[in-house]
Amino acid sequence: MKNIVFIGSSALGLRALSESDKFCVIGALCLKKRVTQVLLDQAEELGLEVRQFDWIKDFKALILEYDESTPFFIYQLDMLVPASLTSKYRFFNLHRGDLKTNRGPNPDIWPILLGHRTTAMSMHLINDKIDAGVLIATHDVPINREDDTNDVKIRLEEGIPYLVEKLNEYLDGNSLGEEIVDGDYRPWVTELEFTIDLAKDDLEVIRRKVRCQRQYNGAILFVDEQKKYINNVFDSPPESMAYLTLYSPVEGKDIYLGLNEHPKYPPPPKFPTSKRI
């Protein structure tokens, strides 16, 4: 068995790695603000302590305790690994997106918002660039018409055991991987992307905007200059849910939009537009 260190906040990822008969998890590291009781319980079950760090300085100190031959398995780190470490150690990251079309911080949201039919969980050896390096393997999944981000995430995570096995093949030299030389980098999603424009958006676009935000407040719609959050689209008036009936000039008929009357998440920050790197 190969020694390996887990980095990230995903208890599911830690469990999948530990269940492989090819690896022995000798450590678990997590950004302090991302630690959950579920992760702590999973680590305790495996006889591990989750070593926590505040940011890059603390992270570096923990990594440098390990021999440079030790591989690191990352899932849900929520922080970039500095180049001073990627040049010495091997960090293998799970990215919930296709690295050819969906690099960046919101890989769960963009494929639904853009109407992609498929997405992928990607395992890659990282370097000093965002979502780049060497692609080891992917677990490809369909995106169905009614899927939201949680539905797709569940489907993607079912492929983690397979990707762990592909990592072992790579470390054994039985797989060369593929250098990631290009790919669309997509920035943080802002409110503009999921704001419904009844004058332009057909029902398909509206549904995508709603589905990509359902786990949060919902898509945004301005009615008489008031911001409303929409978390569903109905074919007919629902019987027991708050909804709006609005005329769609694009569809040429009334549409029925489920209303989230109790939004609980703050709006996302504003970030620069998409770029290719």
Protein backbone atom coordinates (compact mmCIF):
# COMPACT_ATOMS: atom_id res chain seq x y z
CA MET A 1 0.00 0.00 0.00
CA LYS A 2 1.11 3.53 -0.76
CA ASN A 3 1.13 6.18 1.96
CA ILE A 4 -0.95 9.22 1.05
CA VAL A 5 -2.26 12.36 2.79
CA PHE A 6 -5.82 13.65 2.37
CA ILE A 7 -6.43 17.40 2.11
CA GLY A 8 -9.91 18.93 2.11
CA SER A 9 -13.28 19.17 3.80
CA SER A 10 -15.06 16.22 2.17
CA ALA A 11 -15.74 13.34 4.55
CA LEU A 12 -16.96 11.36 1.55
CA GLY A 13 -13.64 11.93 -0.22
CA LEU A 14 -11.65 10.89 2.83
CA ARG A 15 -13.73 7.74 3.21
CA ALA A 16 -13.39 6.79 -0.47
CA LEU A 17 -9.63 7.19 -0.32
CA SER A 18 -9.35 5.18 2.89
CA GLU A 19 -11.46 2.34 1.45
CA SER A 20 -8.99 1.72 -1.35
CA ASP A 21 -6.74 -1.28 -0.79
CA LYS A 22 -3.99 0.54 -2.71
CA PHE A 23 -3.52 3.43 -0.28
CA CYS A 24 -2.86 3.99 3.41
CA VAL A 25 -4.06 7.41 4.55
CA ILE A 26 -1.43 8.67 6.98
CA GLY A 27 -2.77 12.18 7.51
CA ALA A 28 -5.75 14.50 7.02
CA LEU A 29 -5.48 18.27 6.61
CA CYS A 30 -8.29 20.82 6.31
CA LEU A 31 -8.74 24.57 6.13
CA LYS A 32 -9.97 25.51 9.60
CA LYS A 33 -13.07 27.41 8.45
CA ARG A 34 -14.17 24.40 6.35
CA VAL A 35 -13.93 21.74 9.05
CA THR A 36 -17.22 19.97 9.81
CA GLN A 37 -18.22 17.51 12.49
CA VAL A 38 -18.89 14.93 9.80
CA LEU A 39 -15.27 15.21 8.66
CA LEU A 40 -13.97 14.98 12.22
CA ASP A 41 -16.10 11.91 12.89
CA GLN A 42 -14.91 10.22 9.71
CA ALA A 43 -11.29 10.92 10.56
CA GLU A 44 -11.73 9.61 14.10
CA GLU A 45 -13.26 6.42 12.73
CA LEU A 46 -10.09 5.97 10.67
CA GLY A 47 -7.83 6.73 13.62
CA LEU A 48 -6.78 10.08 12.18
CA GLU A 49 -6.62 13.60 13.56
CA VAL A 50 -7.69 16.39 11.22
CA ARG A 51 -4.84 18.88 11.34
CA GLN A 52 -6.22 22.35 10.69
CA PHE A 53 -4.63 25.42 9.15
CA ASP A 54 -5.75 29.04 8.82
CA TRP A 55 -4.19 29.86 5.45
CA ILE A 56 -1.12 29.42 3.26
CA LYS A 57 1.60 29.99 5.87
CA ASP A 58 0.19 27.32 8.21
CA PHE A 59 -0.53 25.04 5.26
CA LYS A 60 3.08 25.22 4.07
CA ALA A 61 4.37 24.34 7.52
CA LEU A 62 2.21 21.21 7.65
CA ILE A 63 3.15 20.05 4.15
CA LEU A 64 6.87 20.49 4.79
CA GLU A 65 6.65 17.94 7.60
CA TYR A 66 6.16 15.22 4.99
CA ASP A 67 8.77 13.59 2.79
CA GLU A 68 8.77 14.92 -0.77
CA SER A 69 7.90 11.45 -2.05
CA THR A 70 4.52 11.56 -0.26
CA PRO A 71 1.54 12.16 -2.58
CA PHE A 72 -1.38 14.35 -1.49
CA PHE A 73 -5.01 13.77 -2.44
CA ILE A 74 -7.14 16.94 -2.52
CA TYR A 75 -10.90 17.27 -2.54
CA GLN A 76 -12.59 20.53 -1.51
CA LEU A 77 -9.58 22.46 -0.31
CA ASP A 78 -10.98 25.92 -1.22
CA MET A 79 -7.49 27.39 -1.47
CA LEU A 80 -4.77 27.49 -4.12
CA VAL A 81 -1.64 25.49 -3.40
CA PRO A 82 1.39 27.80 -3.77
CA ALA A 83 3.94 27.15 -6.52
CA SER A 84 6.69 26.71 -3.93
CA LEU A 85 4.93 23.49 -2.89
CA THR A 86 3.71 22.20 -6.27
CA SER A 87 7.30 22.33 -7.51
CA LYS A 88 8.42 19.94 -4.74
CA TYR A 89 5.41 17.74 -3.93
CA ARG A 90 2.76 15.93 -5.94
CA PHE A 91 -0.76 17.17 -5.26
CA PHE A 92 -3.64 15.34 -6.96
CA ASN A 93 -6.88 17.28 -7.04
CA LEU A 94 -10.49 16.29 -7.70
CA HIS A 95 -12.26 19.00 -9.71
CA ARG A 96 -16.03 18.78 -10.24
CA GLY A 97 -15.85 19.90 -13.85
CA ASP A 98 -14.45 19.13 -17.28
CA LEU A 99 -11.03 20.80 -17.37
CA LYS A 100 -11.36 21.43 -21.11
CA THR A 101 -14.52 23.49 -20.77
CA ASN A 102 -15.02 24.32 -17.10
CA ARG A 103 -11.99 25.41 -15.12
CA GLY A 104 -12.47 27.77 -12.20
CA PRO A 105 -14.24 28.15 -8.85
CA ASN A 106 -17.89 27.36 -9.72
CA PRO A 107 -17.73 24.14 -11.78
CA ASP A 108 -21.03 22.89 -10.32
CA ILE A 109 -23.00 25.89 -11.55
CA TRP A 110 -21.67 26.72 -15.01
CA PRO A 111 -22.54 23.53 -16.95
CA ILE A 112 -26.18 23.72 -15.83
CA LEU A 113 -26.37 27.46 -16.50
CA LEU A 114 -24.84 27.04 -19.98
CA GLY A 115 -26.98 24.05 -20.91
CA HIS A 116 -24.22 21.46 -21.15
CA ARG A 117 -25.41 17.88 -21.51
CA THR A 118 -22.44 16.33 -19.69
CA THR A 119 -19.84 17.16 -17.07
CA ALA A 120 -17.01 15.30 -15.37
CA MET A 121 -15.17 14.74 -12.13
CA SER A 122 -11.54 15.30 -13.10
CA MET A 123 -8.47 13.96 -11.31
CA HIS A 124 -5.35 15.97 -12.10
CA LEU A 125 -1.82 16.53 -10.88
CA ILE A 126 -1.80 20.25 -10.16
CA ASN A 127 0.82 22.85 -10.96
CA ASP A 128 1.09 26.57 -10.26
CA LYS A 129 -1.84 27.47 -12.56
CA ILE A 130 -5.54 27.24 -11.77
CA ASP A 131 -7.06 23.85 -12.62
CA ALA A 132 -4.14 22.88 -14.82
CA GLY A 133 -1.29 20.35 -14.74
CA VAL A 134 -1.68 16.73 -15.85
CA LEU A 135 -5.09 15.13 -16.31
CA ILE A 136 -5.03 11.63 -14.81
CA ALA A 137 -8.60 10.50 -15.50
CA THR A 138 -12.22 11.65 -15.60
CA HIS A 139 -15.56 10.26 -14.46
CA ASP A 140 -18.06 11.53 -17.02
CA VAL A 141 -21.75 11.93 -16.18
CA PRO A 142 -24.86 13.20 -17.98
CA ILE A 143 -26.73 16.31 -16.92
CA ASN A 144 -30.45 15.66 -17.13
CA ARG A 145 -33.11 18.25 -17.87
CA GLU A 146 -34.31 18.49 -14.26
CA ASP A 147 -30.93 18.22 -12.51
CA ASP A 148 -29.77 20.85 -10.06
CA THR A 149 -26.24 21.19 -8.70
CA ASN A 150 -26.83 18.70 -5.88
CA ASP A 151 -28.10 16.05 -8.29
CA VAL A 152 -25.01 16.40 -10.46
CA LYS A 153 -22.64 16.47 -7.49
CA ILE A 154 -24.00 13.16 -6.19
CA ARG A 155 -23.50 11.58 -9.60
CA LEU A 156 -19.96 12.95 -9.88
CA GLU A 157 -18.92 11.74 -6.44
CA GLU A 158 -19.97 8.20 -7.30
CA GLY A 159 -16.87 8.14 -9.49
CA ILE A 160 -14.35 8.91 -6.74
CA PRO A 161 -13.43 5.24 -6.08
CA TYR A 162 -12.73 4.78 -9.80
CA LEU A 163 -10.53 7.90 -9.85
CA VAL A 164 -8.64 6.67 -6.79
CA GLU A 165 -7.84 3.49 -8.71
CA LYS A 166 -6.72 5.51 -11.73
CA LEU A 167 -4.45 7.52 -9.45
CA ASN A 168 -2.84 4.32 -8.27
CA GLU A 169 -2.24 3.29 -11.89
CA TYR A 170 -0.61 6.65 -12.57
CA LEU A 171 1.67 6.38 -9.53
CA ASP A 172 2.65 2.86 -10.64
CA GLY A 173 3.64 4.21 -14.05
CA ASN A 174 0.87 2.34 -15.85
CA SER A 175 -0.79 5.56 -16.99
CA LEU A 176 0.95 8.66 -18.35
CA GLY A 177 -1.85 11.18 -18.01
CA GLU A 178 -2.44 14.08 -20.39
CA GLU A 179 -0.98 17.56 -20.04
CA ILE A 180 -3.71 20.19 -19.73
CA VAL A 181 -2.68 22.80 -22.29
CA ASP A 182 -5.89 24.73 -22.79
CA GLY A 183 -9.39 25.08 -21.46
CA ASP A 184 -12.05 27.64 -20.67
CA TYR A 185 -11.56 29.32 -17.32
CA ARG A 186 -14.87 30.45 -15.88
CA PRO A 187 -14.91 32.96 -13.01
CA TRP A 188 -17.13 33.20 -9.97
CA VAL A 189 -20.78 33.31 -10.95
CA THR A 190 -22.36 36.70 -10.26
CA GLU A 191 -26.00 37.69 -9.89
CA LEU A 192 -26.08 38.96 -13.46
CA GLU A 193 -25.66 35.44 -14.83
CA PHE A 194 -28.70 34.05 -13.03
CA THR A 195 -31.02 37.06 -13.22
CA ILE A 196 -34.10 36.27 -15.30
CA ASP A 197 -34.86 38.66 -18.17
CA LEU A 198 -38.43 38.00 -19.28
CA ALA A 199 -37.91 40.08 -22.41
CA LYS A 200 -35.13 37.78 -23.65
CA ASP A 201 -35.15 34.46 -21.80
CA ASP A 202 -37.20 31.52 -23.02
CA LEU A 203 -38.41 28.85 -20.60
CA GLU A 204 -35.35 26.66 -21.17
CA VAL A 205 -32.98 29.47 -20.16
CA ILE A 206 -35.16 30.37 -17.18
CA ARG A 207 -35.17 26.75 -16.01
CA ARG A 208 -31.38 26.58 -16.25
CA LYS A 209 -30.98 29.77 -14.22
CA VAL A 210 -33.31 28.38 -11.57
CA ARG A 211 -31.74 24.91 -11.44
CA CYS A 212 -28.19 26.21 -11.09
CA GLN A 213 -29.23 28.26 -8.05
CA ARG A 214 -31.82 26.02 -6.42
CA GLN A 215 -29.52 24.98 -3.56
CA TYR A 216 -29.02 28.66 -2.75
CA ASN A 217 -31.74 31.32 -2.89
CA GLY A 218 -32.82 30.68 -6.46
CA ALA A 219 -32.65 32.71 -9.66
CA ILE A 220 -33.31 36.43 -9.44
CA LEU A 221 -36.26 38.22 -10.99
CA PHE A 222 -37.04 41.91 -10.62
CA VAL A 223 -40.76 42.64 -10.32
CA ASP A 224 -41.67 46.33 -10.05
CA GLU A 225 -38.00 46.99 -9.18
CA GLN A 226 -38.18 44.54 -6.27
CA LYS A 227 -35.81 41.59 -6.18
CA LYS A 228 -37.54 38.21 -6.04
CA TYR A 229 -35.96 34.76 -5.78
CA ILE A 230 -37.33 32.02 -8.02
CA ASN A 231 -36.70 28.40 -7.05
CA ASN A 232 -38.98 26.52 -9.45
CA VAL A 233 -40.74 26.67 -12.79
CA PHE A 234 -44.18 25.07 -13.13
CA ASP A 235 -46.17 23.96 -16.16
CA SER A 236 -49.39 25.00 -14.42
CA PRO A 237 -50.30 26.90 -11.24
CA PRO A 238 -49.19 24.88 -8.17
CA GLU A 239 -51.74 24.20 -5.47
CA SER A 240 -49.76 24.70 -2.27
CA MET A 241 -46.70 26.83 -3.06
CA ALA A 242 -46.08 30.53 -3.40
CA TYR A 243 -45.67 31.46 -7.04
CA LEU A 244 -45.86 34.29 -9.54
CA THR A 245 -47.89 34.30 -12.75
CA LEU A 246 -46.14 36.43 -15.35
CA TYR A 247 -46.54 36.90 -19.06
CA SER A 248 -43.54 35.83 -21.14
CA PRO A 249 -43.34 37.71 -24.46
CA VAL A 250 -40.76 35.17 -25.66
CA GLU A 251 -43.08 32.22 -25.01
CA GLY A 252 -46.23 34.16 -25.85
CA LYS A 253 -48.03 32.90 -22.75
CA ASP A 254 -48.19 33.07 -18.96
CA ILE A 255 -45.51 31.23 -17.03
CA TYR A 256 -45.60 30.12 -13.40
CA LEU A 257 -42.54 30.71 -11.24
CA GLY A 258 -42.08 29.29 -7.74
CA LEU A 259 -41.25 32.00 -5.23
CA ASN A 260 -38.68 31.64 -2.44
CA GLU A 261 -40.16 33.87 0.24
CA HIS A 262 -37.38 33.25 2.78
CA PRO A 263 -33.94 33.60 1.12
CA LYS A 264 -31.12 32.84 3.54
CA TYR A 265 -27.88 33.18 1.59
CA PRO A 266 -26.00 36.45 0.97
CA PRO A 267 -25.55 37.44 -2.69
CA PRO A 268 -22.32 36.38 -4.41
CA PRO A 269 -19.55 38.99 -4.77
CA LYS A 270 -18.75 40.68 -8.06
CA PHE A 271 -15.80 39.22 -9.96
CA PRO A 272 -14.14 39.92 -13.32
CA THR A 273 -15.39 38.40 -16.56
CA SER A 274 -14.34 35.03 -17.95
CA LYS A 275 -10.92 34.57 -19.50
CA ARG A 276 -8.84 31.83 -21.04
CA ILE A 277 -5.51 30.89 -19.47
